[in-house]
PDB file of N, CA and C in Angstrom:
ATOM      1  N   MET A   1      59.137 -10.485 -54.959  1.00  0.00           N
ATOM      2  CA  MET A   1      59.051 -11.766 -55.640  1.00  0.00           C
ATOM      3  C   MET A   1      57.924 -12.585 -55.023  1.00  0.00           C
ATOM      4  N   GLU A   2      57.112 -13.111 -55.859  1.00  0.00           N
ATOM      5  CA  GLU A   2      55.949 -13.867 -55.414  1.00  0.00           C
ATOM      6  C   GLU A   2      56.165 -15.353 -55.689  1.00  0.00           C
ATOM      7  N   ILE A   3      55.921 -16.157 -54.677  1.00  0.00           N
ATOM      8  CA  ILE A   3      56.050 -17.603 -54.827  1.00  0.00           C
ATOM      9  C   ILE A   3      54.654 -18.199 -54.900  1.00  0.00           C
ATOM     10  N   ARG A   4      54.411 -18.950 -55.943  1.00  0.00           N
ATOM     11  CA  ARG A   4      53.112 -19.589 -56.117  1.00  0.00           C
ATOM     12  C   ARG A   4      53.259 -21.094 -55.961  1.00  0.00           C
ATOM     13  N   ILE A   5      52.353 -21.653 -55.207  1.00  0.00           N
ATOM     14  CA  ILE A   5      52.310 -23.101 -55.054  1.00  0.00           C
ATOM     15  C   ILE A   5      51.059 -23.583 -55.775  1.00  0.00           C
ATOM     16  N   GLU A   6      51.251 -24.446 -56.718  1.00  0.00           N
ATOM     17  CA  GLU A   6      50.129 -24.923 -57.517  1.00  0.00           C
ATOM     18  C   GLU A   6      49.436 -26.102 -56.840  1.00  0.00           C
ATOM     19  N   ASN A   7      48.128 -26.093 -56.943  1.00  0.00           N
ATOM     20  CA  ASN A   7      47.338 -27.224 -56.462  1.00  0.00           C
ATOM     21  C   ASN A   7      47.191 -28.202 -57.624  1.00  0.00           C
ATOM     22  N   ARG A   8      48.101 -29.131 -57.693  1.00  0.00           N
ATOM     23  CA  ARG A   8      48.127 -30.082 -58.798  1.00  0.00           C
ATOM     24  C   ARG A   8      47.935 -31.494 -58.252  1.00  0.00           C
ATOM     25  N   PRO A   9      47.561 -32.431 -59.103  1.00  0.00           N
ATOM     26  CA  PRO A   9      47.451 -33.821 -58.637  1.00  0.00           C
ATOM     27  C   PRO A   9      48.805 -34.363 -58.201  1.00  0.00           C
ATOM     28  N   LEU A  10      48.785 -35.200 -57.177  1.00  0.00           N
ATOM     29  CA  LEU A  10      50.022 -35.825 -56.713  1.00  0.00           C
ATOM     30  C   LEU A  10      50.457 -36.908 -57.696  1.00  0.00           C
ATOM     31  N   THR A  11      51.747 -37.016 -57.899  1.00  0.00           N
ATOM     32  CA  THR A  11      52.269 -38.070 -58.762  1.00  0.00           C
ATOM     33  C   THR A  11      52.353 -39.374 -57.969  1.00  0.00           C
ATOM     34  N   TYR A  12      52.591 -40.455 -58.677  1.00  0.00           N
ATOM     35  CA  TYR A  12      52.707 -41.766 -58.033  1.00  0.00           C
ATOM     36  C   TYR A  12      53.858 -41.771 -57.029  1.00  0.00           C
ATOM     37  N   HIS A  13      54.983 -41.190 -57.394  1.00  0.00           N
ATOM     38  CA  HIS A  13      56.159 -41.187 -56.518  1.00  0.00           C
ATOM     39  C   HIS A  13      55.929 -40.336 -55.270  1.00  0.00           C
ATOM     40  N   GLU A  14      55.192 -39.250 -55.401  1.00  0.00           N
ATOM     41  CA  GLU A  14      54.871 -38.428 -54.230  1.00  0.00           C
ATOM     42  C   GLU A  14      53.949 -39.180 -53.275  1.00  0.00           C
ATOM     43  N   LYS A  15      53.007 -39.925 -53.823  1.00  0.00           N
ATOM     44  CA  LYS A  15      52.085 -40.694 -52.981  1.00  0.00           C
ATOM     45  C   LYS A  15      52.807 -41.803 -52.223  1.00  0.00           C
ATOM     46  N   MET A  16      53.811 -42.392 -52.842  1.00  0.00           N
ATOM     47  CA  MET A  16      54.534 -43.494 -52.211  1.00  0.00           C
ATOM     48  C   MET A  16      55.403 -43.029 -51.042  1.00  0.00           C
ATOM     49  N   LYS A  17      55.629 -41.744 -50.899  1.00  0.00           N
ATOM     50  CA  LYS A  17      56.427 -41.219 -49.794  1.00  0.00           C
ATOM     51  C   LYS A  17      55.620 -41.135 -48.497  1.00  0.00           C
ATOM     52  N   PHE A  18      54.294 -41.240 -48.597  1.00  0.00           N
ATOM     53  CA  PHE A  18      53.437 -41.136 -47.424  1.00  0.00           C
ATOM     54  C   PHE A  18      53.324 -42.480 -46.712  1.00  0.00           C
ATOM     55  N   HIS A  19      52.800 -42.425 -45.490  1.00  0.00           N
ATOM     56  CA  HIS A  19      52.557 -43.621 -44.683  1.00  0.00           C
ATOM     57  C   HIS A  19      51.455 -44.455 -45.334  1.00  0.00           C
ATOM     58  N   GLU A  20      51.412 -45.732 -44.995  1.00  0.00           N
ATOM     59  CA  GLU A  20      50.408 -46.646 -45.559  1.00  0.00           C
ATOM     60  C   GLU A  20      48.984 -46.158 -45.315  1.00  0.00           C
ATOM     61  N   ASN A  21      48.732 -45.599 -44.135  1.00  0.00           N
ATOM     62  CA  ASN A  21      47.384 -45.113 -43.822  1.00  0.00           C
ATOM     63  C   ASN A  21      46.971 -43.998 -44.778  1.00  0.00           C
ATOM     64  N   HIS A  22      47.890 -43.103 -45.056  1.00  0.00           N
ATOM     65  CA  HIS A  22      47.600 -42.013 -45.984  1.00  0.00           C
ATOM     66  C   HIS A  22      47.364 -42.561 -47.395  1.00  0.00           C
ATOM     67  N   GLN A  23      48.193 -43.498 -47.803  1.00  0.00           N
ATOM     68  CA  GLN A  23      48.057 -44.080 -49.142  1.00  0.00           C
ATOM     69  C   GLN A  23      46.726 -44.798 -49.303  1.00  0.00           C
ATOM     70  N   GLU A  24      46.298 -45.471 -48.251  1.00  0.00           N
ATOM     71  CA  GLU A  24      45.032 -46.205 -48.293  1.00  0.00           C
ATOM     72  C   GLU A  24      43.857 -45.251 -48.502  1.00  0.00           C
ATOM     73  N   VAL A  25      43.864 -44.133 -47.787  1.00  0.00           N
ATOM     74  CA  VAL A  25      42.789 -43.146 -47.925  1.00  0.00           C
ATOM     75  C   VAL A  25      42.849 -42.494 -49.308  1.00  0.00           C
ATOM     76  N   MET A  26      44.040 -42.198 -49.794  1.00  0.00           N
ATOM     77  CA  MET A  26      44.190 -41.595 -51.128  1.00  0.00           C
ATOM     78  C   MET A  26      43.643 -42.518 -52.212  1.00  0.00           C
ATOM     79  N   ARG A  27      43.982 -43.799 -52.122  1.00  0.00           N
ATOM     80  CA  ARG A  27      43.492 -44.766 -53.115  1.00  0.00           C
ATOM     81  C   ARG A  27      41.969 -44.868 -53.073  1.00  0.00           C
ATOM     82  N   ALA A  28      41.406 -44.900 -51.879  1.00  0.00           N
ATOM     83  CA  ALA A  28      39.949 -45.006 -51.748  1.00  0.00           C
ATOM     84  C   ALA A  28      39.263 -43.761 -52.299  1.00  0.00           C
ATOM     85  N   TYR A  29      39.821 -42.591 -52.012  1.00  0.00           N
ATOM     86  CA  TYR A  29      39.241 -41.341 -52.520  1.00  0.00           C
ATOM     87  C   TYR A  29      39.237 -41.344 -54.047  1.00  0.00           C
ATOM     88  N   GLU A  30      40.341 -41.730 -54.650  1.00  0.00           N
ATOM     89  CA  GLU A  30      40.424 -41.736 -56.111  1.00  0.00           C
ATOM     90  C   GLU A  30      39.518 -42.807 -56.718  1.00  0.00           C
ATOM     91  N   TYR A  31      39.373 -43.930 -56.037  1.00  0.00           N
ATOM     92  CA  TYR A  31      38.534 -45.011 -56.552  1.00  0.00           C
ATOM     93  C   TYR A  31      37.050 -44.637 -56.507  1.00  0.00           C
ATOM     94  N   TYR A  32      36.584 -44.138 -55.384  1.00  0.00           N
ATOM     95  CA  TYR A  32      35.155 -43.872 -55.217  1.00  0.00           C
ATOM     96  C   TYR A  32      34.698 -42.589 -55.899  1.00  0.00           C
ATOM     97  N   THR A  33      35.516 -41.556 -55.908  1.00  0.00           N
ATOM     98  CA  THR A  33      35.080 -40.283 -56.485  1.00  0.00           C
ATOM     99  C   THR A  33      35.494 -40.112 -57.938  1.00  0.00           C
ATOM    100  N   LYS A  34      36.410 -40.942 -58.419  1.00  0.00           N
ATOM    101  CA  LYS A  34      36.947 -40.840 -59.783  1.00  0.00           C
ATOM    102  C   LYS A  34      37.644 -39.497 -60.010  1.00  0.00           C
ATOM    103  N   ARG A  35      38.198 -38.926 -58.941  1.00  0.00           N
ATOM    104  CA  ARG A  35      38.969 -37.681 -59.021  1.00  0.00           C
ATOM    105  C   ARG A  35      40.375 -37.934 -58.519  1.00  0.00           C
ATOM    106  N   ARG A  36      41.314 -37.123 -58.967  1.00  0.00           N
ATOM    107  CA  ARG A  36      42.698 -37.246 -58.526  1.00  0.00           C
ATOM    108  C   ARG A  36      42.856 -36.600 -57.153  1.00  0.00           C
ATOM    109  N   PHE A  37      43.766 -37.129 -56.356  1.00  0.00           N
ATOM    110  CA  PHE A  37      44.064 -36.564 -55.043  1.00  0.00           C
ATOM    111  C   PHE A  37      45.017 -35.398 -55.251  1.00  0.00           C
ATOM    112  N   MET A  38      44.605 -34.212 -54.819  1.00  0.00           N
ATOM    113  CA  MET A  38      45.362 -32.990 -55.091  1.00  0.00           C
ATOM    114  C   MET A  38      46.359 -32.691 -53.978  1.00  0.00           C
ATOM    115  N   ARG A  39      47.254 -31.780 -54.283  1.00  0.00           N
ATOM    116  CA  ARG A  39      48.335 -31.445 -53.360  1.00  0.00           C
ATOM    117  C   ARG A  39      47.823 -30.792 -52.073  1.00  0.00           C
ATOM    118  N   PHE A  40      46.854 -29.892 -52.174  1.00  0.00           N
ATOM    119  CA  PHE A  40      46.328 -29.213 -50.989  1.00  0.00           C
ATOM    120  C   PHE A  40      45.464 -30.136 -50.132  1.00  0.00           C
ATOM    121  N   ASP A  41      45.011 -31.249 -50.691  1.00  0.00           N
ATOM    122  CA  ASP A  41      44.215 -32.208 -49.927  1.00  0.00           C
ATOM    123  C   ASP A  41      45.041 -32.924 -48.864  1.00  0.00           C
ATOM    124  N   VAL A  42      46.353 -32.909 -49.016  1.00  0.00           N
ATOM    125  CA  VAL A  42      47.236 -33.564 -48.040  1.00  0.00           C
ATOM    126  C   VAL A  42      47.111 -32.884 -46.677  1.00  0.00           C
ATOM    127  N   ILE A  43      46.926 -31.572 -46.667  1.00  0.00           N
ATOM    128  CA  ILE A  43      46.781 -30.828 -45.411  1.00  0.00           C
ATOM    129  C   ILE A  43      45.534 -31.301 -44.672  1.00  0.00           C
ATOM    130  N   VAL A  44      44.447 -31.463 -45.388  1.00  0.00           N
ATOM    131  CA  VAL A  44      43.197 -31.942 -44.790  1.00  0.00           C
ATOM    132  C   VAL A  44      43.364 -33.383 -44.316  1.00  0.00           C
ATOM    133  N   LEU A  45      44.037 -34.195 -45.110  1.00  0.00           N
ATOM    134  CA  LEU A  45      44.238 -35.606 -44.769  1.00  0.00           C
ATOM    135  C   LEU A  45      45.027 -35.771 -43.478  1.00  0.00           C
ATOM    136  N   GLU A  46      46.045 -34.945 -43.271  1.00  0.00           N
ATOM    137  CA  GLU A  46      46.841 -35.015 -42.036  1.00  0.00           C
ATOM    138  C   GLU A  46      45.953 -34.804 -40.805  1.00  0.00           C
ATOM    139  N   GLY A  47      45.056 -33.830 -40.879  1.00  0.00           N
ATOM    140  CA  GLY A  47      44.154 -33.570 -39.757  1.00  0.00           C
ATOM    141  C   GLY A  47      43.162 -34.694 -39.529  1.00  0.00           C
ATOM    142  N   LEU A  48      42.684 -35.295 -40.607  1.00  0.00           N
ATOM    143  CA  LEU A  48      41.700 -36.368 -40.471  1.00  0.00           C
ATOM    144  C   LEU A  48      42.314 -37.641 -39.906  1.00  0.00           C
ATOM    145  N   ILE A  49      43.552 -37.937 -40.265  1.00  0.00           N
ATOM    146  CA  ILE A  49      44.222 -39.136 -39.750  1.00  0.00           C
ATOM    147  C   ILE A  49      44.410 -39.034 -38.237  1.00  0.00           C
ATOM    148  N   LYS A  50      44.584 -37.813 -37.725  1.00  0.00           N
ATOM    149  CA  LYS A  50      44.737 -37.630 -36.278  1.00  0.00           C
ATOM    150  C   LYS A  50      43.426 -37.863 -35.537  1.00  0.00           C
ATOM    151  N   VAL A  51      42.305 -37.607 -36.201  1.00  0.00           N
ATOM    152  CA  VAL A  51      40.996 -37.698 -35.556  1.00  0.00           C
ATOM    153  C   VAL A  51      40.383 -39.090 -35.700  1.00  0.00           C
ATOM    154  N   ALA A  52      40.522 -39.694 -36.871  1.00  0.00           N
ATOM    155  CA  ALA A  52      39.841 -40.965 -37.145  1.00  0.00           C
ATOM    156  C   ALA A  52      40.800 -41.951 -37.805  1.00  0.00           C
ATOM    157  N   ALA A  53      40.442 -43.208 -37.717  1.00  0.00           N
ATOM    158  CA  ALA A  53      41.227 -44.267 -38.356  1.00  0.00           C
ATOM    159  C   ALA A  53      40.969 -44.257 -39.867  1.00  0.00           C
ATOM    160  N   PRO A  54      41.903 -44.760 -40.659  1.00  0.00           N
ATOM    161  CA  PRO A  54      41.714 -44.765 -42.112  1.00  0.00           C
ATOM    162  C   PRO A  54      40.440 -45.484 -42.564  1.00  0.00           C
ATOM    163  N   ALA A  55      40.092 -46.582 -41.919  1.00  0.00           N
ATOM    164  CA  ALA A  55      38.874 -47.308 -42.305  1.00  0.00           C
ATOM    165  C   ALA A  55      37.628 -46.451 -42.083  1.00  0.00           C
ATOM    166  N   GLN A  56      37.628 -45.652 -41.032  1.00  0.00           N
ATOM    167  CA  GLN A  56      36.489 -44.773 -40.762  1.00  0.00           C
ATOM    168  C   GLN A  56      36.395 -43.671 -41.815  1.00  0.00           C
ATOM    169  N   ILE A  57      37.527 -43.121 -42.195  1.00  0.00           N
ATOM    170  CA  ILE A  57      37.544 -42.076 -43.222  1.00  0.00           C
ATOM    171  C   ILE A  57      37.083 -42.651 -44.557  1.00  0.00           C
ATOM    172  N   ILE A  58      37.537 -43.844 -44.873  1.00  0.00           N
ATOM    173  CA  ILE A  58      37.157 -44.482 -46.133  1.00  0.00           C
ATOM    174  C   ILE A  58      35.662 -44.766 -46.167  1.00  0.00           C
ATOM    175  N   SER A  59      35.083 -45.168 -45.040  1.00  0.00           N
ATOM    176  CA  SER A  59      33.639 -45.428 -45.014  1.00  0.00           C
ATOM    177  C   SER A  59      32.845 -44.151 -45.263  1.00  0.00           C
ATOM    178  N   ILE A  60      33.310 -43.029 -44.738  1.00  0.00           N
ATOM    179  CA  ILE A  60      32.639 -41.744 -44.989  1.00  0.00           C
ATOM    180  C   ILE A  60      32.787 -41.357 -46.459  1.00  0.00           C
ATOM    181  N   ILE A  61      33.980 -41.547 -47.025  1.00  0.00           N
ATOM    182  CA  ILE A  61      34.193 -41.239 -48.446  1.00  0.00           C
ATOM    183  C   ILE A  61      33.241 -42.064 -49.303  1.00  0.00           C
ATOM    184  N   LYS A  62      33.146 -43.337 -49.016  1.00  0.00           N
ATOM    185  CA  LYS A  62      32.265 -44.217 -49.788  1.00  0.00           C
ATOM    186  C   LYS A  62      30.807 -43.798 -49.637  1.00  0.00           C
ATOM    187  N   GLN A  63      30.401 -43.514 -48.409  1.00  0.00           N
ATOM    188  CA  GLN A  63      29.011 -43.141 -48.143  1.00  0.00           C
ATOM    189  C   GLN A  63      28.632 -41.860 -48.884  1.00  0.00           C
ATOM    190  N   TYR A  64      29.479 -40.847 -48.823  1.00  0.00           N
ATOM    191  CA  TYR A  64      29.134 -39.561 -49.420  1.00  0.00           C
ATOM    192  C   TYR A  64      29.348 -39.528 -50.926  1.00  0.00           C
ATOM    193  N   SER A  65      30.192 -40.381 -51.464  1.00  0.00           N
ATOM    194  CA  SER A  65      30.388 -40.385 -52.916  1.00  0.00           C
ATOM    195  C   SER A  65      29.295 -41.170 -53.630  1.00  0.00           C
ATOM    196  N   GLU A  66      28.668 -42.115 -52.946  1.00  0.00           N
ATOM    197  CA  GLU A  66      27.639 -42.936 -53.577  1.00  0.00           C
ATOM    198  C   GLU A  66      26.222 -42.442 -53.307  1.00  0.00           C
ATOM    199  N   HIS A  67      26.044 -41.554 -52.340  1.00  0.00           N
ATOM    200  CA  HIS A  67      24.709 -41.071 -52.003  1.00  0.00           C
ATOM    201  C   HIS A  67      24.233 -40.091 -53.069  1.00  0.00           C
ATOM    202  N   HIS A  68      22.984 -40.201 -53.478  1.00  0.00           N
ATOM    203  CA  HIS A  68      22.487 -39.395 -54.589  1.00  0.00           C
ATOM    204  C   HIS A  68      22.433 -37.900 -54.272  1.00  0.00           C
ATOM    205  N   LYS A  69      22.250 -37.516 -53.013  1.00  0.00           N
ATOM    206  CA  LYS A  69      22.208 -36.092 -52.662  1.00  0.00           C
ATOM    207  C   LYS A  69      23.603 -35.490 -52.518  1.00  0.00           C
ATOM    208  N   TYR A  70      24.507 -36.229 -51.892  1.00  0.00           N
ATOM    209  CA  TYR A  70      25.798 -35.665 -51.518  1.00  0.00           C
ATOM    210  C   TYR A  70      26.851 -35.777 -52.608  1.00  0.00           C
ATOM    211  N   SER A  71      26.670 -36.670 -53.559  1.00  0.00           N
ATOM    212  CA  SER A  71      27.714 -36.887 -54.560  1.00  0.00           C
ATOM    213  C   SER A  71      27.944 -35.647 -55.426  1.00  0.00           C
ATOM    214  N   LYS A  72      26.916 -34.826 -55.624  1.00  0.00           N
ATOM    215  CA  LYS A  72      27.084 -33.596 -56.409  1.00  0.00           C
ATOM    216  C   LYS A  72      27.915 -32.567 -55.648  1.00  0.00           C
ATOM    217  N   ASN A  73      27.776 -32.539 -54.326  1.00  0.00           N
ATOM    218  CA  ASN A  73      28.516 -31.576 -53.510  1.00  0.00           C
ATOM    219  C   ASN A  73      29.935 -32.031 -53.206  1.00  0.00           C
ATOM    220  N   PHE A  74      30.191 -33.303 -53.317  1.00  0.00           N
ATOM    221  CA  PHE A  74      31.480 -33.875 -52.934  1.00  0.00           C
ATOM    222  C   PHE A  74      32.475 -33.672 -54.079  1.00  0.00           C
ATOM    223  N   THR A  75      32.932 -32.430 -54.249  1.00  0.00           N
ATOM    224  CA  THR A  75      33.816 -32.108 -55.363  1.00  0.00           C
ATOM    225  C   THR A  75      35.269 -31.989 -54.946  1.00  0.00           C
ATOM    226  N   PHE A  76      35.546 -31.944 -53.652  1.00  0.00           N
ATOM    227  CA  PHE A  76      36.931 -31.890 -53.184  1.00  0.00           C
ATOM    228  C   PHE A  76      37.019 -32.600 -51.839  1.00  0.00           C
ATOM    229  N   PHE A  77      38.221 -32.988 -51.458  1.00  0.00           N
ATOM    230  CA  PHE A  77      38.429 -33.814 -50.269  1.00  0.00           C
ATOM    231  C   PHE A  77      38.035 -33.095 -48.981  1.00  0.00           C
ATOM    232  N   GLY A  78      38.164 -31.781 -48.940  1.00  0.00           N
ATOM    233  CA  GLY A  78      37.837 -31.011 -47.741  1.00  0.00           C
ATOM    234  C   GLY A  78      36.359 -31.028 -47.373  1.00  0.00           C
ATOM    235  N   TYR A  79      35.505 -31.494 -48.286  1.00  0.00           N
ATOM    236  CA  TYR A  79      34.066 -31.549 -48.016  1.00  0.00           C
ATOM    237  C   TYR A  79      33.748 -32.460 -46.833  1.00  0.00           C
ATOM    238  N   ILE A  80      34.510 -33.536 -46.664  1.00  0.00           N
ATOM    239  CA  ILE A  80      34.210 -34.481 -45.591  1.00  0.00           C
ATOM    240  C   ILE A  80      34.929 -34.154 -44.285  1.00  0.00           C
ATOM    241  N   GLU A  81      35.783 -33.133 -44.286  1.00  0.00           N
ATOM    242  CA  GLU A  81      36.547 -32.820 -43.072  1.00  0.00           C
ATOM    243  C   GLU A  81      35.655 -32.526 -41.868  1.00  0.00           C
ATOM    244  N   PRO A  82      34.680 -31.600 -41.942  1.00  0.00           N
ATOM    245  CA  PRO A  82      33.847 -31.363 -40.749  1.00  0.00           C
ATOM    246  C   PRO A  82      32.998 -32.570 -40.363  1.00  0.00           C
ATOM    247  N   ILE A  83      32.597 -33.357 -41.342  1.00  0.00           N
ATOM    248  CA  ILE A  83      31.781 -34.538 -41.068  1.00  0.00           C
ATOM    249  C   ILE A  83      32.574 -35.554 -40.252  1.00  0.00           C
ATOM    250  N   VAL A  84      33.788 -35.839 -40.689  1.00  0.00           N
ATOM    251  CA  VAL A  84      34.629 -36.818 -39.990  1.00  0.00           C
ATOM    252  C   VAL A  84      35.011 -36.305 -38.610  1.00  0.00           C
ATOM    253  N   LYS A  85      35.369 -35.025 -38.515  1.00  0.00           N
ATOM    254  CA  LYS A  85      35.792 -34.481 -37.223  1.00  0.00           C
ATOM    255  C   LYS A  85      34.662 -34.501 -36.204  1.00  0.00           C
ATOM    256  N   ASN A  86      33.440 -34.223 -36.629  1.00  0.00           N
ATOM    257  CA  ASN A  86      32.313 -34.246 -35.700  1.00  0.00           C
ATOM    258  C   ASN A  86      31.920 -35.666 -35.321  1.00  0.00           C
ATOM    259  N   GLN A  87      31.976 -36.569 -36.267  1.00  0.00           N
ATOM    260  CA  GLN A  87      31.518 -37.934 -36.011  1.00  0.00           C
ATOM    261  C   GLN A  87      32.502 -38.730 -35.160  1.00  0.00           C
ATOM    262  N   PHE A  88      33.789 -38.543 -35.379  1.00  0.00           N
ATOM    263  CA  PHE A  88      34.774 -39.375 -34.706  1.00  0.00           C
ATOM    264  C   PHE A  88      35.617 -38.591 -33.708  1.00  0.00           C
ATOM    265  N   ARG A  89      35.115 -37.500 -33.199  1.00  0.00           N
ATOM    266  CA  ARG A  89      35.867 -36.706 -32.233  1.00  0.00           C
ATOM    267  C   ARG A  89      36.119 -37.523 -30.969  1.00  0.00           C
ATOM    268  N   ASN A  90      37.341 -37.506 -30.518  1.00  0.00           N
ATOM    269  CA  ASN A  90      37.769 -38.146 -29.275  1.00  0.00           C
ATOM    270  C   ASN A  90      37.625 -39.672 -29.308  1.00  0.00           C
ATOM    271  N   LYS A  91      37.611 -40.283 -30.481  1.00  0.00           N
ATOM    272  CA  LYS A  91      37.502 -41.743 -30.576  1.00  0.00           C
ATOM    273  C   LYS A  91      38.860 -42.421 -30.436  1.00  0.00           C
ATOM    274  N   ARG A  92      39.947 -41.688 -30.706  1.00  0.00           N
ATOM    275  CA  ARG A  92      41.269 -42.300 -30.672  1.00  0.00           C
ATOM    276  C   ARG A  92      42.029 -41.924 -29.414  1.00  0.00           C
ATOM    277  N   GLY A  93      41.330 -41.453 -28.404  1.00  0.00           N
ATOM    278  CA  GLY A  93      41.971 -41.172 -27.131  1.00  0.00           C
ATOM    279  C   GLY A  93      42.583 -39.793 -27.026  1.00  0.00           C
ATOM    280  N   GLY A  94      42.303 -38.930 -27.983  1.00  0.00           N
ATOM    281  CA  GLY A  94      42.862 -37.583 -27.938  1.00  0.00           C
ATOM    282  C   GLY A  94      42.016 -36.660 -27.084  1.00  0.00           C
ATOM    283  N   LYS A  95      42.495 -35.450 -26.902  1.00  0.00           N
ATOM    284  CA  LYS A  95      41.744 -34.465 -26.133  1.00  0.00           C
ATOM    285  C   LYS A  95      40.609 -33.911 -26.977  1.00  0.00           C
ATOM    286  N   LYS A  96      39.585 -33.402 -26.306  1.00  0.00           N
ATOM    287  CA  LYS A  96      38.476 -32.783 -27.023  1.00  0.00           C
ATOM    288  C   LYS A  96      38.974 -31.506 -27.681  1.00  0.00           C
ATOM    289  N   GLN A  97      38.420 -31.244 -28.847  1.00  0.00           N
ATOM    290  CA  GLN A  97      38.860 -30.054 -29.583  1.00  0.00           C
ATOM    291  C   GLN A  97      37.815 -28.984 -29.511  1.00  0.00           C
TER     292      GLN A  97
END
């Protein structure tokens, strides 16, 4: 028996179950990119919240969604993961990765 998990957009009720920081980043992503926040993007978001503050993540989302070169490549939330991790590594008092 095979179990499939679909990568579908999160519903409003699913989004409301998350912490305020997660909701803030989700709203900013949907506002700036005009794309829905998908289910598999939550995994990436959890890692980014540990590395950087929500305001820092939102500034990167805004920067890369509005830039003429990067906006074409910015098709999913995981695109900014290495950028945020490299830029804000060890800023919140965590160990180096």
